[in-house]
Amino acid sequence: MNVKKKRWMKIGIGLLSVVLIIDIIASFYFYNLAIERNVKDFLVGNSDLDVSAEAMDVFTEGDWREWNQNQEFEQIEMTSYDGLKLQGYFLEAEEPTDKTVVLAHGYLGGASDMGLYGQYYYEELGYNVFTADLRGHGDSEGDYIGFGWHDRLDYADWVDLIIEKQGPDTEIVLHGVSMGAATVLMASGEDLPENVKAIVADSPYSSVYDLFDYQLDRMFHLPAFPVLPSTSLVTNMRAGYSLTEASALDQVQKTDIPILYIHGNADTFVPTAMATELYENTSSEADLITFDDASHGEAFVTQKDRYVEEMEAFLEKYME
């Protein structure tokens, strides 16, 4: 090998080494940014999360917040399959009922955020209400965010606990928003008891890898390769799951539970196409309802009449 070829080989190896080091640094950076449990400032000012003034008023100052604070939720602690202490909250209906809604909140949220939906199920439908802090959120333990994947097993355990508490005749609907929607969809592919009659998935993503791919391009103008495969390896090492296995799309292809998909057509944080793909690949009975001019997770507020009309029609078919 002549001197020139050796020189170019050294240059090539040097460049590859630099790229590899940068990729490793980027992988740990994105793990810390999105998955590790810590303060998340990167979403502040993200225009994809902008909502209408009407929705913002309800989210921040709606009467549902006062309602939530005035209810005497029973606090329930559960130990997860991997030893985490998780916190759940149960509110018994005013009149005895065998119907319970199990709510799942979004990224960086908490159980109390689902009072917006819980109030409706409680006051208008007469359901028992259960919600929980997902692992890595609120008062639940966990040093990472599961994006629904490990949470799917937690929610399967919560369902078993509710059936044990309420009796074998209890009927359950799972209702999640954003990451919570992905959580209940991921749970749908597990061996859930027949008590789970229906699922409402509001603004779900198809898989964690697909969501990160979309956001990596939108927020950082970076391609998926090589950052996401290496970030997935870091996530597997530190949180015990890969970005590719955390797939709602794979899970809904195995489910027999009816699913109502809800998505805003103006959602640029989780594109509506993801809900469409999920709907088209669901093995059970399913409906997809989209809302024009609604951004991420705001349809319940901005178009509430249609939202609850569609939701109640769906539940009437499957909640006996």
Protein backbone atom coordinates (compact mmCIF):
# COMPACT_ATOMS: atom_id res chain seq x y z
CA MET A 1 0.00 0.00 0.00
CA ASN A 2 1.55 3.30 -1.04
CA VAL A 3 1.94 6.32 1.21
CA LYS A 4 -0.97 8.24 -0.36
CA LYS A 5 -3.43 5.37 0.20
CA LYS A 6 -2.29 5.00 3.80
CA ARG A 7 -2.78 8.70 4.35
CA TRP A 8 -6.31 8.62 2.95
CA MET A 9 -7.12 5.54 5.03
CA LYS A 10 -5.99 7.32 8.19
CA ILE A 11 -8.06 10.35 7.25
CA GLY A 12 -11.08 8.12 6.62
CA ILE A 13 -10.68 6.28 9.93
CA GLY A 14 -10.22 9.61 11.69
CA LEU A 15 -13.39 11.04 10.16
CA LEU A 16 -15.38 7.90 11.02
CA SER A 17 -14.10 8.10 14.58
CA VAL A 18 -15.19 11.72 14.85
CA VAL A 19 -18.63 10.88 13.44
CA LEU A 20 -18.96 7.96 15.87
CA ILE A 21 -18.01 10.11 18.84
CA ILE A 22 -20.45 12.82 17.79
CA ASP A 23 -23.19 10.20 17.35
CA ILE A 24 -22.56 8.75 20.81
CA ILE A 25 -22.64 12.20 22.38
CA ALA A 26 -25.85 13.02 20.47
CA SER A 27 -27.47 9.76 21.59
CA PHE A 28 -26.89 10.47 25.27
CA TYR A 29 -27.99 14.07 24.71
CA PHE A 30 -31.32 13.04 23.18
CA TYR A 31 -31.86 10.38 25.85
CA ASN A 32 -31.34 13.01 28.53
CA LEU A 33 -33.47 15.50 26.62
CA ALA A 34 -36.54 13.35 26.04
CA ILE A 35 -36.47 10.18 28.16
CA GLU A 36 -34.55 10.70 31.39
CA ARG A 37 -36.68 12.07 34.21
CA ASN A 38 -35.64 15.69 34.64
CA VAL A 39 -36.83 19.23 33.96
CA LYS A 40 -37.84 19.53 30.31
CA ASP A 41 -37.46 23.04 28.93
CA PHE A 42 -37.06 22.10 25.29
CA LEU A 43 -40.80 22.15 24.60
CA VAL A 44 -41.25 25.69 25.93
CA GLY A 45 -42.18 27.92 23.02
CA ASN A 46 -42.72 24.98 20.64
CA SER A 47 -45.27 26.29 18.14
CA ASP A 48 -46.49 22.74 17.46
CA LEU A 49 -47.98 22.77 20.95
CA ASP A 50 -49.78 26.08 20.53
CA VAL A 51 -53.48 25.82 21.24
CA SER A 52 -56.32 28.24 20.75
CA ALA A 53 -56.99 30.91 23.39
CA GLU A 54 -60.25 29.13 24.17
CA ALA A 55 -58.47 25.86 24.83
CA MET A 56 -55.71 27.50 26.86
CA ASP A 57 -58.28 29.15 29.13
CA VAL A 58 -59.94 25.81 29.80
CA PHE A 59 -56.67 23.92 30.26
CA THR A 60 -55.29 26.44 32.74
CA GLU A 61 -58.36 27.90 34.48
CA GLY A 62 -61.30 25.63 33.67
CA ASP A 63 -63.78 24.69 36.38
CA TRP A 64 -62.63 21.08 36.03
CA ARG A 65 -59.58 22.00 38.11
CA GLU A 66 -61.73 23.07 41.05
CA TRP A 67 -63.89 19.99 40.56
CA ASN A 68 -60.76 17.81 40.65
CA GLN A 69 -59.54 19.40 43.88
CA ASN A 70 -62.93 19.01 45.57
CA GLN A 71 -63.25 15.28 44.94
CA GLU A 72 -62.19 12.74 47.52
CA PHE A 73 -60.08 10.47 45.37
CA GLU A 74 -58.92 7.31 47.08
CA GLN A 75 -55.15 7.09 46.68
CA ILE A 76 -53.97 3.62 45.71
CA GLU A 77 -50.33 2.54 45.62
CA MET A 78 -49.18 -0.32 43.44
CA THR A 79 -45.78 -1.93 42.99
CA SER A 80 -44.97 -2.44 39.31
CA TYR A 81 -43.58 -5.65 37.83
CA ASP A 82 -40.08 -4.15 38.11
CA GLY A 83 -40.41 -2.82 41.65
CA LEU A 84 -41.51 0.81 41.19
CA LYS A 85 -44.05 2.38 43.53
CA LEU A 86 -46.82 3.79 41.34
CA GLN A 87 -49.65 6.07 42.43
CA GLY A 88 -53.24 5.76 41.31
CA TYR A 89 -56.40 7.64 42.23
CA PHE A 90 -59.94 6.22 42.32
CA LEU A 91 -63.21 8.12 42.57
CA GLU A 92 -66.37 6.14 43.15
CA ALA A 93 -69.44 7.31 41.22
CA GLU A 94 -72.24 9.11 43.05
CA GLU A 95 -74.62 6.26 42.21
CA PRO A 96 -73.45 2.62 42.25
CA THR A 97 -72.29 1.50 38.80
CA ASP A 98 -70.30 -1.28 37.22
CA LYS A 99 -68.72 1.14 34.70
CA THR A 100 -65.26 2.62 35.22
CA VAL A 101 -63.09 4.84 33.04
CA VAL A 102 -59.33 4.37 33.34
CA LEU A 103 -57.58 7.55 32.20
CA ALA A 104 -53.98 7.99 31.02
CA HIS A 105 -52.26 11.38 30.82
CA GLY A 106 -49.76 12.79 28.34
CA TYR A 107 -46.02 13.49 28.29
CA LEU A 108 -44.83 15.51 31.32
CA GLY A 109 -48.37 15.55 32.68
CA GLY A 110 -49.93 13.93 35.71
CA ALA A 111 -53.00 12.12 36.91
CA SER A 112 -54.77 15.33 37.89
CA ASP A 113 -54.59 16.60 34.28
CA MET A 114 -57.15 13.98 33.33
CA GLY A 115 -59.75 15.62 35.56
CA LEU A 116 -60.80 17.48 32.41
CA TYR A 117 -62.14 14.18 31.07
CA GLY A 118 -62.86 12.60 34.43
CA GLN A 119 -65.37 15.28 35.30
CA TYR A 120 -67.38 14.48 32.18
CA TYR A 121 -67.36 10.73 32.76
CA TYR A 122 -68.31 11.29 36.41
CA GLU A 123 -71.00 13.95 36.06
CA GLU A 124 -72.52 13.19 32.66
CA LEU A 125 -72.02 9.42 32.30
CA GLY A 126 -72.08 8.39 35.95
CA TYR A 127 -68.84 6.37 35.74
CA ASN A 128 -66.31 5.55 38.42
CA VAL A 129 -63.08 7.36 37.57
CA PHE A 130 -59.54 6.05 37.88
CA THR A 131 -56.35 7.79 36.86
CA ALA A 132 -52.68 7.34 37.66
CA ASP A 133 -49.32 9.05 37.51
CA LEU A 134 -47.41 7.17 34.82
CA ARG A 135 -43.93 5.96 35.75
CA GLY A 136 -41.47 8.84 35.74
CA HIS A 137 -44.29 11.33 36.37
CA GLY A 138 -45.98 12.94 39.36
CA ASP A 139 -45.77 10.92 42.56
CA SER A 140 -44.91 7.66 40.82
CA GLU A 141 -41.35 6.39 40.94
CA GLY A 142 -39.16 5.91 37.90
CA ASP A 143 -36.09 7.70 36.57
CA TYR A 144 -37.16 7.52 32.94
CA ILE A 145 -40.24 8.14 30.79
CA GLY A 146 -41.63 4.99 29.23
CA PHE A 147 -43.59 6.63 26.37
CA GLY A 148 -46.26 4.02 26.99
CA TRP A 149 -44.21 0.86 26.55
CA HIS A 150 -43.54 -0.21 30.12
CA ASP A 151 -46.62 1.75 31.13
CA ARG A 152 -48.73 -0.69 29.12
CA LEU A 153 -47.90 -3.40 31.66
CA ASP A 154 -48.55 -1.01 34.53
CA TYR A 155 -51.99 -0.27 33.12
CA ALA A 156 -52.72 -3.97 32.69
CA ASP A 157 -51.95 -4.32 36.41
CA TRP A 158 -54.12 -1.30 37.27
CA VAL A 159 -56.99 -2.94 35.36
CA ASP A 160 -56.57 -6.14 37.38
CA LEU A 161 -56.54 -4.12 40.59
CA ILE A 162 -59.75 -2.28 39.64
CA ILE A 163 -61.52 -5.55 38.81
CA GLU A 164 -60.40 -6.96 42.14
CA LYS A 165 -61.72 -3.82 43.85
CA GLN A 166 -65.00 -3.44 41.94
CA GLY A 167 -65.86 -7.05 41.27
CA PRO A 168 -65.90 -9.41 38.27
CA ASP A 169 -68.85 -7.67 36.58
CA THR A 170 -67.11 -4.32 36.24
CA GLU A 171 -66.82 -2.86 32.73
CA ILE A 172 -63.83 -0.71 31.84
CA VAL A 173 -63.05 1.83 29.13
CA LEU A 174 -59.45 2.96 28.72
CA HIS A 175 -59.15 6.61 27.66
CA GLY A 176 -55.77 8.20 26.98
CA VAL A 177 -54.50 11.44 25.46
CA SER A 178 -51.23 11.78 23.50
CA MET A 179 -48.66 9.60 25.31
CA GLY A 180 -51.58 8.30 27.37
CA ALA A 181 -53.32 7.32 24.14
CA ALA A 182 -50.22 5.42 23.04
CA THR A 183 -50.14 3.78 26.48
CA VAL A 184 -53.67 2.38 26.25
CA LEU A 185 -53.09 1.30 22.64
CA MET A 186 -49.91 -0.50 23.65
CA ALA A 187 -51.85 -2.13 26.49
CA SER A 188 -54.51 -3.25 24.01
CA GLY A 189 -52.16 -5.85 22.53
CA GLU A 190 -51.64 -7.52 25.89
CA ASP A 191 -53.84 -10.26 27.35
CA LEU A 192 -56.30 -7.92 29.03
CA PRO A 193 -59.39 -9.31 30.77
CA GLU A 194 -62.74 -9.23 28.98
CA ASN A 195 -63.84 -6.51 31.41
CA VAL A 196 -62.01 -4.00 29.17
CA LYS A 197 -64.79 -3.25 26.71
CA ALA A 198 -63.48 -0.25 24.75
CA ILE A 199 -60.58 2.13 24.23
CA VAL A 200 -60.58 5.86 23.38
CA ALA A 201 -57.25 7.04 21.97
CA ASP A 202 -57.00 10.82 21.56
CA SER A 203 -54.00 12.09 19.54
CA PRO A 204 -51.88 8.91 19.63
CA TYR A 205 -48.53 8.24 17.92
CA SER A 206 -47.85 5.04 16.01
CA SER A 207 -44.52 4.22 17.67
CA VAL A 208 -41.87 5.97 19.72
CA TYR A 209 -39.36 5.60 16.88
CA ASP A 210 -41.78 7.19 14.39
CA LEU A 211 -42.53 10.04 16.79
CA PHE A 212 -38.85 10.73 17.43
CA ASP A 213 -38.11 10.51 13.70
CA TYR A 214 -40.78 13.11 13.02
CA GLN A 215 -39.70 15.41 15.86
CA LEU A 216 -35.99 15.06 15.09
CA ASP A 217 -36.64 16.41 11.63
CA ARG A 218 -39.15 19.04 12.71
CA MET A 219 -37.31 20.41 15.76
CA PHE A 220 -33.67 19.81 14.90
CA HIS A 221 -33.67 19.29 11.10
CA LEU A 222 -31.73 16.07 11.53
CA PRO A 223 -32.16 12.71 9.76
CA ALA A 224 -33.10 9.64 11.75
CA PHE A 225 -29.88 7.81 10.89
CA PRO A 226 -27.55 7.42 12.69
CA VAL A 227 -28.87 9.30 15.74
CA LEU A 228 -32.07 7.34 16.41
CA PRO A 229 -30.63 3.81 16.19
CA SER A 230 -27.88 4.77 18.64
CA THR A 231 -30.33 6.65 20.89
CA SER A 232 -32.43 3.49 20.88
CA LEU A 233 -29.40 1.51 22.10
CA VAL A 234 -28.82 4.02 24.89
CA THR A 235 -32.51 3.85 25.83
CA ASN A 236 -32.35 0.06 25.93
CA MET A 237 -29.29 0.16 28.17
CA ARG A 238 -30.64 2.76 30.57
CA ALA A 239 -34.44 2.33 30.47
CA GLY A 240 -34.84 -1.24 29.29
CA TYR A 241 -36.69 -0.70 26.04
CA SER A 242 -35.85 0.21 22.46
CA LEU A 243 -37.52 2.93 20.43
CA THR A 244 -38.56 0.42 17.78
CA GLU A 245 -40.20 -2.12 20.10
CA ALA A 246 -42.30 0.61 21.75
CA SER A 247 -44.93 0.37 19.04
CA ALA A 248 -48.65 1.02 19.36
CA LEU A 249 -48.94 0.01 15.71
CA ASP A 250 -47.72 -3.52 16.42
CA GLN A 251 -50.00 -3.82 19.45
CA VAL A 252 -53.26 -2.78 17.76
CA GLN A 253 -52.67 -5.49 15.15
CA LYS A 254 -53.08 -8.02 17.96
CA THR A 255 -56.02 -6.52 19.85
CA ASP A 256 -59.65 -7.59 19.93
CA ILE A 257 -60.80 -4.54 21.92
CA PRO A 258 -62.85 -1.93 19.99
CA ILE A 259 -60.96 1.36 19.59
CA LEU A 260 -62.12 4.91 18.91
CA TYR A 261 -59.36 7.07 17.45
CA ILE A 262 -59.64 10.84 17.83
CA HIS A 263 -57.26 13.32 16.23
CA GLY A 264 -57.13 16.96 15.24
CA ASN A 265 -56.41 17.68 11.59
CA ALA A 266 -54.32 20.70 12.62
CA ASP A 267 -52.07 18.64 14.91
CA THR A 268 -48.45 19.28 13.94
CA PHE A 269 -46.94 17.78 17.11
CA VAL A 270 -48.25 14.27 16.43
CA PRO A 271 -49.39 14.20 12.79
CA THR A 272 -52.89 12.97 12.03
CA ALA A 273 -51.40 10.45 9.60
CA MET A 274 -50.25 8.41 12.59
CA ALA A 275 -53.83 7.97 13.84
CA THR A 276 -54.89 7.05 10.32
CA GLU A 277 -52.17 4.40 10.08
CA LEU A 278 -53.16 2.99 13.45
CA TYR A 279 -56.83 2.89 12.46
CA GLU A 280 -56.09 1.16 9.17
CA ASN A 281 -54.03 -1.54 10.92
CA THR A 282 -56.30 -2.23 13.90
CA SER A 283 -57.48 -5.83 14.02
CA SER A 284 -60.56 -5.10 16.15
CA GLU A 285 -63.60 -2.95 15.40
CA ALA A 286 -62.46 0.67 15.17
CA ASP A 287 -63.60 4.18 14.28
CA LEU A 288 -61.53 7.25 13.40
CA ILE A 289 -62.95 10.71 14.09
CA THR A 290 -60.95 13.76 13.00
CA PHE A 291 -61.58 17.36 13.95
CA ASP A 292 -60.82 20.19 11.56
CA ASP A 293 -58.84 23.12 13.00
CA ALA A 294 -58.03 21.20 16.21
CA SER A 295 -54.39 21.01 17.26
CA HIS A 296 -52.77 18.50 19.60
CA GLY A 297 -55.21 17.19 22.20
CA GLU A 298 -57.57 20.17 22.12
CA ALA A 299 -60.65 18.76 20.36
CA PHE A 300 -62.38 17.90 23.66
CA VAL A 301 -62.37 21.61 24.48
CA THR A 302 -62.80 23.37 21.14
CA GLN A 303 -65.37 20.95 19.68
CA LYS A 304 -66.69 19.33 22.81
CA ASP A 305 -70.27 18.74 21.62
CA ARG A 306 -69.17 16.64 18.66
CA TYR A 307 -66.42 14.98 20.67
CA VAL A 308 -68.75 13.70 23.38
CA GLU A 309 -71.49 12.83 20.89
CA GLU A 310 -69.10 10.58 18.95
CA MET A 311 -67.56 9.18 22.12
CA GLU A 312 -70.91 8.36 23.74
CA ALA A 313 -72.20 6.72 20.56
CA PHE A 314 -69.09 4.56 20.51
CA LEU A 315 -69.34 3.63 24.20
CA GLU A 316 -73.03 2.77 23.90
CA LYS A 317 -72.10 0.06 21.39
CA TYR A 318 -69.63 -1.68 23.64
CA MET A 319 -70.33 -0.79 27.28
CA GLU A 320 -73.27 -3.04 28.11
